[in-house]
Amino acid sequence: MNVRHLINVSDLTPREVIGVFDESAVMKSRLRRGIIENCLAGKTIALVFEKASNRTRVSFEVGMTQLGGHSIYLASDCIRLGERETIPDVARTLSGYVDGVVVRTYAHSTVTEFAKYSSVPVINGLSDHSHPCQALADLFTVREKLGRLAGVKLAFVGDGNNVARSLASACYRLGLHFAIASPKGYELEDEFVSKAHDLVPEDAGSVTKHRDPYQAVKDADVVYTDVWASMGQEAEARQRRIDFAGYQVDGKLLAAAKKGALVMHCLPAHRGEEITDEVIEGPQSIVFEQAESRLHVQKGLLKLLMASPEA
């Protein structure tokens, strides 16, 4: 039996993604009614985290508990990947103890190498290249709020970072139109966009790059932003605040989108920089519903990757 990993959004087919969304919606409804799931009873997942975490850690830990399983949190100073032990040694050792691993790291090569040597499912909880769990939870939220995905326009204002990369891939594969506005030097890579186009089925969406945020949000159903300086980029924060001036999601920019457009942010937010309090606390914001979706969608992913076929 081949082990399935989730390193990038493209590791799942569009049909599988919709299946995860459907399963997540069912489990969310059952949870609201107090119905307990036990599809991962007796199973354990290891959370190998080199980066600090709020949503990723808590949602995976709670998700495993709600599915009848258990989790073990291993912070950066516990293992010291590649320093105290090699990545292959850690991957092979943990494979003998646990039923799955979530890796949250800086270098994307860390999670890909870990998956190469792991005999249990590995989930990318974030790397500097991609954040598939975030993107999938985001589109699950969009589907819940709008009742559809195909034809939806999602405008991303900010850095062409790991979240933007995963969102672009997910949108294109599921028939949404992804428009991103970034200052010069911070765009999504042309090579990434071209490669994404080669990996999608018929009825795909689109990915467009803009310099002007007002052009990107025109007719958008969803306006999305993220911090200007992510973890590991703290030394660049001052310069980035200069470079991203004019890319703030405020009331004026939101008014240029479709009337009633939803507002999303993957959090944590630097209020007053990439987004204003007026917008994130406004009636169009679904930021905290989006955050809750991490729990439900990750339960769907855990069930897909780790549950026995009869579960």
Protein backbone atom coordinates (compact mmCIF):
# COMPACT_ATOMS: atom_id res chain seq x y z
CA MET A 1 0.00 0.00 0.00
CA ASN A 2 1.43 3.35 -1.06
CA VAL A 3 1.70 6.04 1.60
CA ARG A 4 -0.06 9.30 0.75
CA HIS A 5 1.54 12.61 1.71
CA LEU A 6 0.19 16.16 1.50
CA ILE A 7 3.14 18.40 0.70
CA ASN A 8 1.47 20.70 -1.83
CA VAL A 9 -2.13 21.26 -2.91
CA SER A 10 -1.33 19.44 -6.16
CA ASP A 11 -0.87 16.18 -4.21
CA LEU A 12 -4.67 15.90 -4.18
CA THR A 13 -6.84 15.68 -7.26
CA PRO A 14 -9.70 18.18 -7.57
CA ARG A 15 -12.12 15.30 -6.96
CA GLU A 16 -10.27 14.39 -3.76
CA VAL A 17 -10.34 18.00 -2.56
CA ILE A 18 -14.10 18.19 -3.05
CA GLY A 19 -14.40 14.86 -1.25
CA VAL A 20 -12.43 16.25 1.69
CA PHE A 21 -14.67 19.34 1.73
CA ASP A 22 -17.82 17.19 1.70
CA GLU A 23 -16.49 14.98 4.50
CA SER A 24 -15.37 18.02 6.51
CA ALA A 25 -18.83 19.58 6.20
CA VAL A 26 -20.46 16.37 7.44
CA MET A 27 -18.08 16.10 10.40
CA LYS A 28 -18.61 19.77 11.24
CA SER A 29 -22.37 19.23 11.31
CA ARG A 30 -22.01 16.06 13.38
CA LEU A 31 -19.74 17.86 15.84
CA ARG A 32 -22.38 20.57 16.31
CA ARG A 33 -24.85 17.80 17.21
CA GLY A 34 -22.47 16.18 19.67
CA ILE A 35 -21.80 13.11 17.56
CA ILE A 36 -18.37 11.66 18.26
CA GLU A 37 -16.11 10.33 15.50
CA ASN A 38 -13.67 7.51 16.19
CA CYS A 39 -12.14 6.84 12.78
CA LEU A 40 -8.62 7.43 14.15
CA ALA A 41 -9.05 5.61 17.46
CA GLY A 42 -5.74 4.22 18.64
CA LYS A 43 -3.72 6.31 16.18
CA THR A 44 -1.14 8.98 16.97
CA ILE A 45 0.24 11.87 14.98
CA ALA A 46 3.52 13.67 15.69
CA LEU A 47 3.65 17.45 15.26
CA VAL A 48 7.24 18.29 14.33
CA PHE A 49 7.31 22.08 14.47
CA GLU A 50 10.33 24.31 13.82
CA LYS A 51 8.09 27.39 13.66
CA ALA A 52 5.78 28.88 16.27
CA SER A 53 2.13 28.07 15.80
CA ASN A 54 -1.35 28.88 17.03
CA ARG A 55 -3.96 27.69 14.52
CA THR A 56 -1.95 24.84 13.00
CA ARG A 57 -0.97 23.25 16.30
CA VAL A 58 -4.29 23.65 18.06
CA SER A 59 -6.42 22.57 15.10
CA PHE A 60 -4.39 19.40 14.53
CA GLU A 61 -4.29 18.51 18.23
CA VAL A 62 -8.01 19.11 18.71
CA GLY A 63 -8.80 17.42 15.40
CA MET A 64 -6.97 14.24 16.39
CA THR A 65 -8.75 14.21 19.76
CA GLN A 66 -12.15 14.64 18.13
CA LEU A 67 -11.38 11.74 15.78
CA GLY A 68 -10.48 9.49 18.69
CA GLY A 69 -6.71 9.72 18.25
CA HIS A 70 -3.78 11.33 20.00
CA SER A 71 -1.06 13.84 19.14
CA ILE A 72 2.50 14.47 20.32
CA TYR A 73 3.98 17.96 19.97
CA LEU A 74 7.71 18.08 19.21
CA ALA A 75 9.05 21.65 19.21
CA SER A 76 12.25 22.67 17.44
CA ASP A 77 14.42 22.19 20.52
CA CYS A 78 13.17 18.62 21.01
CA ILE A 79 14.58 17.13 17.80
CA ARG A 80 16.70 19.85 16.12
CA LEU A 81 16.19 18.44 12.63
CA GLY A 82 19.43 18.16 10.69
CA GLU A 83 21.46 19.20 13.72
CA ARG A 84 21.02 16.65 16.48
CA GLU A 85 19.82 14.01 14.02
CA THR A 86 19.53 13.86 10.26
CA ILE A 87 16.10 14.30 8.70
CA PRO A 88 16.09 10.74 7.26
CA ASP A 89 16.93 9.28 10.68
CA VAL A 90 14.14 11.21 12.39
CA ALA A 91 11.62 10.32 9.67
CA ARG A 92 12.41 6.61 9.84
CA THR A 93 12.43 6.59 13.64
CA LEU A 94 9.08 8.35 14.01
CA SER A 95 7.58 6.08 11.35
CA GLY A 96 8.02 3.22 13.81
CA TYR A 97 6.14 5.04 16.57
CA VAL A 98 3.33 7.11 15.03
CA ASP A 99 0.74 6.87 12.28
CA GLY A 100 1.35 10.27 10.71
CA VAL A 101 3.51 13.38 10.97
CA VAL A 102 2.79 17.08 10.50
CA VAL A 103 5.94 19.05 9.68
CA ARG A 104 5.92 22.84 10.12
CA THR A 105 9.24 24.23 8.99
CA TYR A 106 11.19 26.94 7.18
CA ALA A 107 12.85 25.23 4.22
CA HIS A 108 10.51 23.36 1.88
CA SER A 109 13.28 20.82 1.32
CA THR A 110 12.90 19.76 4.98
CA VAL A 111 9.34 18.53 4.53
CA THR A 112 10.03 16.94 1.13
CA GLU A 113 13.05 15.07 2.48
CA PHE A 114 11.10 14.01 5.56
CA ALA A 115 8.33 12.59 3.36
CA LYS A 116 10.88 10.75 1.20
CA TYR A 117 12.05 8.69 4.18
CA SER A 118 8.76 8.38 6.06
CA SER A 119 6.65 5.24 5.83
CA VAL A 120 3.64 7.04 7.34
CA PRO A 121 1.69 10.00 5.89
CA VAL A 122 3.42 13.38 6.14
CA ILE A 123 1.42 16.62 6.05
CA ASN A 124 3.00 19.98 5.32
CA GLY A 125 1.86 22.22 8.17
CA LEU A 126 3.70 25.14 6.51
CA SER A 127 6.97 25.66 4.69
CA ASP A 128 8.51 28.68 3.04
CA HIS A 129 7.14 27.43 -0.30
CA SER A 130 3.60 26.32 0.46
CA HIS A 131 0.81 26.10 3.03
CA PRO A 132 -1.69 23.60 1.62
CA CYS A 133 -3.75 23.15 4.78
CA GLN A 134 -4.41 26.89 4.93
CA ALA A 135 -5.43 27.16 1.28
CA LEU A 136 -7.79 24.18 1.48
CA ALA A 137 -9.45 25.53 4.63
CA ASP A 138 -9.82 28.90 2.93
CA LEU A 139 -11.65 27.50 -0.10
CA PHE A 140 -13.82 25.32 2.13
CA THR A 141 -14.88 28.56 3.86
CA VAL A 142 -15.56 30.28 0.53
CA ARG A 143 -17.74 27.36 -0.56
CA GLU A 144 -19.67 27.50 2.71
CA LYS A 145 -20.29 31.24 2.42
CA LEU A 146 -20.98 31.52 -1.32
CA GLY A 147 -22.37 28.06 -2.02
CA ARG A 148 -19.99 27.52 -4.92
CA LEU A 149 -16.37 27.63 -6.01
CA ALA A 150 -16.43 27.57 -9.81
CA GLY A 151 -16.30 31.08 -11.25
CA VAL A 152 -15.54 32.81 -7.93
CA LYS A 153 -12.92 35.57 -8.13
CA LEU A 154 -10.47 35.70 -5.21
CA ALA A 155 -8.16 38.71 -5.10
CA PHE A 156 -5.00 38.45 -3.01
CA VAL A 157 -3.30 41.72 -2.07
CA GLY A 158 0.28 41.36 -0.88
CA ASP A 159 3.34 39.17 -1.01
CA GLY A 160 3.52 36.24 -3.43
CA ASN A 161 4.36 34.01 -0.46
CA ASN A 162 3.62 30.43 0.57
CA VAL A 163 -0.06 31.16 1.27
CA ALA A 164 -0.52 32.97 -2.04
CA ARG A 165 1.23 30.13 -3.88
CA SER A 166 -1.02 27.47 -2.37
CA LEU A 167 -4.15 29.56 -2.89
CA ALA A 168 -3.25 30.16 -6.53
CA SER A 169 -2.79 26.44 -7.08
CA ALA A 170 -6.02 25.51 -5.28
CA CYS A 171 -8.05 28.19 -7.05
CA TYR A 172 -6.79 27.24 -10.49
CA ARG A 173 -7.46 23.54 -9.92
CA LEU A 174 -10.99 24.12 -8.58
CA GLY A 175 -12.19 26.62 -11.17
CA LEU A 176 -11.76 29.91 -9.30
CA HIS A 177 -10.14 33.03 -10.71
CA PHE A 178 -7.16 34.10 -8.63
CA ALA A 179 -5.83 37.64 -9.04
CA ILE A 180 -2.82 38.81 -7.06
CA ALA A 181 -1.45 42.33 -6.68
CA SER A 182 2.12 42.63 -5.41
CA PRO A 183 4.81 45.31 -5.50
CA LYS A 184 7.81 44.79 -7.75
CA GLY A 185 10.11 42.09 -6.46
CA TYR A 186 7.41 40.30 -4.46
CA GLU A 187 5.35 38.70 -7.24
CA LEU A 188 4.41 35.07 -7.68
CA GLU A 189 7.08 33.47 -9.83
CA ASP A 190 6.22 33.13 -13.52
CA GLU A 191 7.70 29.63 -13.45
CA PHE A 192 5.33 28.61 -10.66
CA VAL A 193 2.30 29.96 -12.49
CA SER A 194 3.29 28.23 -15.73
CA LYS A 195 3.88 24.93 -13.92
CA ALA A 196 0.52 25.19 -12.15
CA HIS A 197 -1.15 25.59 -15.53
CA ASP A 198 0.36 22.31 -16.69
CA LEU A 199 -1.06 20.34 -13.76
CA VAL A 200 -4.76 21.09 -13.96
CA PRO A 201 -7.78 19.45 -15.61
CA GLU A 202 -10.37 20.93 -17.90
CA ASP A 203 -12.66 23.61 -16.46
CA ALA A 204 -9.71 25.14 -14.62
CA GLY A 205 -9.75 28.67 -13.31
CA SER A 206 -7.18 31.37 -13.94
CA VAL A 207 -4.24 33.10 -12.29
CA THR A 208 -3.47 36.74 -13.09
CA LYS A 209 -0.76 39.01 -11.72
CA HIS A 210 -1.18 42.73 -11.20
CA ARG A 211 0.82 45.64 -9.85
CA ASP A 212 -2.27 47.77 -9.05
CA PRO A 213 -4.32 46.38 -6.13
CA TYR A 214 -7.42 48.21 -7.37
CA GLN A 215 -7.21 46.35 -10.65
CA ALA A 216 -6.83 43.04 -8.84
CA VAL A 217 -9.88 43.52 -6.59
CA LYS A 218 -12.17 44.71 -9.36
CA ASP A 219 -15.25 42.42 -9.44
CA ALA A 220 -13.71 40.23 -6.73
CA ASP A 221 -16.02 38.06 -4.62
CA VAL A 222 -13.29 37.64 -2.01
CA VAL A 223 -10.47 39.99 -0.96
CA TYR A 224 -7.62 38.26 0.84
CA THR A 225 -4.43 39.53 2.43
CA ASP A 226 -1.54 38.31 4.59
CA VAL A 227 1.26 39.91 6.59
CA TRP A 228 3.94 41.78 4.68
CA ALA A 229 6.77 40.08 6.60
CA SER A 230 6.33 36.44 7.58
CA MET A 231 8.21 34.42 10.19
CA GLY A 232 11.86 34.33 9.23
CA GLN A 233 11.62 37.70 7.47
CA GLU A 234 11.75 39.92 10.54
CA ALA A 235 15.01 41.54 9.39
CA GLU A 236 13.20 42.68 6.23
CA ALA A 237 10.16 44.11 8.02
CA ARG A 238 11.19 47.76 7.83
CA GLN A 239 11.95 47.64 4.11
CA ARG A 240 8.82 45.65 3.41
CA ARG A 241 6.65 48.27 5.13
CA ILE A 242 8.07 50.77 2.66
CA ASP A 243 7.70 48.50 -0.36
CA PHE A 244 4.14 47.47 0.48
CA ALA A 245 2.84 51.00 1.10
CA GLY A 246 -0.33 51.24 -0.96
CA TYR A 247 -1.14 47.53 -0.61
CA GLN A 248 -3.21 47.83 2.54
CA VAL A 249 -6.71 46.36 2.52
CA ASP A 250 -8.71 49.29 3.87
CA GLY A 251 -12.25 50.52 3.36
CA LYS A 252 -11.38 52.34 0.15
CA LEU A 253 -9.79 49.29 -1.49
CA LEU A 254 -12.60 47.01 -0.33
CA ALA A 255 -15.16 49.37 -1.87
CA ALA A 256 -13.51 48.75 -5.27
CA ALA A 257 -14.37 45.04 -5.08
CA LYS A 258 -17.78 43.51 -5.74
CA LYS A 259 -20.45 44.79 -3.37
CA GLY A 260 -20.47 42.65 -0.24
CA ALA A 261 -17.16 40.99 -1.09
CA LEU A 262 -15.87 38.72 1.66
CA VAL A 263 -12.67 39.61 3.50
CA MET A 264 -10.14 36.93 4.44
CA HIS A 265 -6.81 36.85 6.28
CA CYS A 266 -4.92 33.71 7.32
CA LEU A 267 -3.74 35.31 10.59
CA PRO A 268 -1.87 36.44 12.56
CA ALA A 269 -2.71 39.94 11.36
CA HIS A 270 -0.59 43.05 11.74
CA ARG A 271 -3.49 45.45 12.09
CA GLY A 272 -2.75 48.85 10.66
CA GLU A 273 -0.28 47.40 8.14
CA GLU A 274 -1.74 44.97 5.60
CA ILE A 275 -5.30 45.38 6.90
CA THR A 276 -7.19 47.96 8.96
CA ASP A 277 -9.28 47.30 12.05
CA GLU A 278 -12.26 48.75 10.20
CA VAL A 279 -12.06 45.97 7.62
CA ILE A 280 -11.04 42.97 9.71
CA GLU A 281 -13.76 43.77 12.26
CA GLY A 282 -16.28 44.80 9.61
CA PRO A 283 -19.44 42.96 8.49
CA GLN A 284 -17.76 41.54 5.39
CA SER A 285 -14.96 39.86 7.34
CA ILE A 286 -15.06 36.07 7.66
CA VAL A 287 -11.56 35.87 9.12
CA PHE A 288 -12.47 33.94 12.25
CA GLU A 289 -14.83 31.56 10.46
CA GLN A 290 -11.88 30.97 8.13
CA ALA A 291 -9.67 30.22 11.13
CA GLU A 292 -12.20 27.72 12.52
CA SER A 293 -12.27 25.94 9.16
CA ARG A 294 -8.69 24.82 9.76
CA LEU A 295 -10.06 22.36 12.34
CA HIS A 296 -12.78 20.89 10.14
CA VAL A 297 -10.77 20.57 6.95
CA GLN A 298 -7.75 19.11 8.70
CA LYS A 299 -10.03 16.48 10.19
CA GLY A 300 -11.12 15.65 6.66
CA LEU A 301 -7.49 15.43 5.55
CA LEU A 302 -6.52 13.28 8.54
CA LYS A 303 -9.34 10.89 7.78
CA LEU A 304 -8.37 10.70 4.10
CA LEU A 305 -4.70 10.04 4.79
CA MET A 306 -4.76 8.04 8.02
CA ALA A 307 -8.09 6.25 8.52
CA SER A 308 -8.51 2.59 7.69
CA PRO A 309 -10.52 2.00 4.46
CA GLU A 310 -13.52 0.68 6.43
CA ALA A 311 -13.65 3.75 8.72
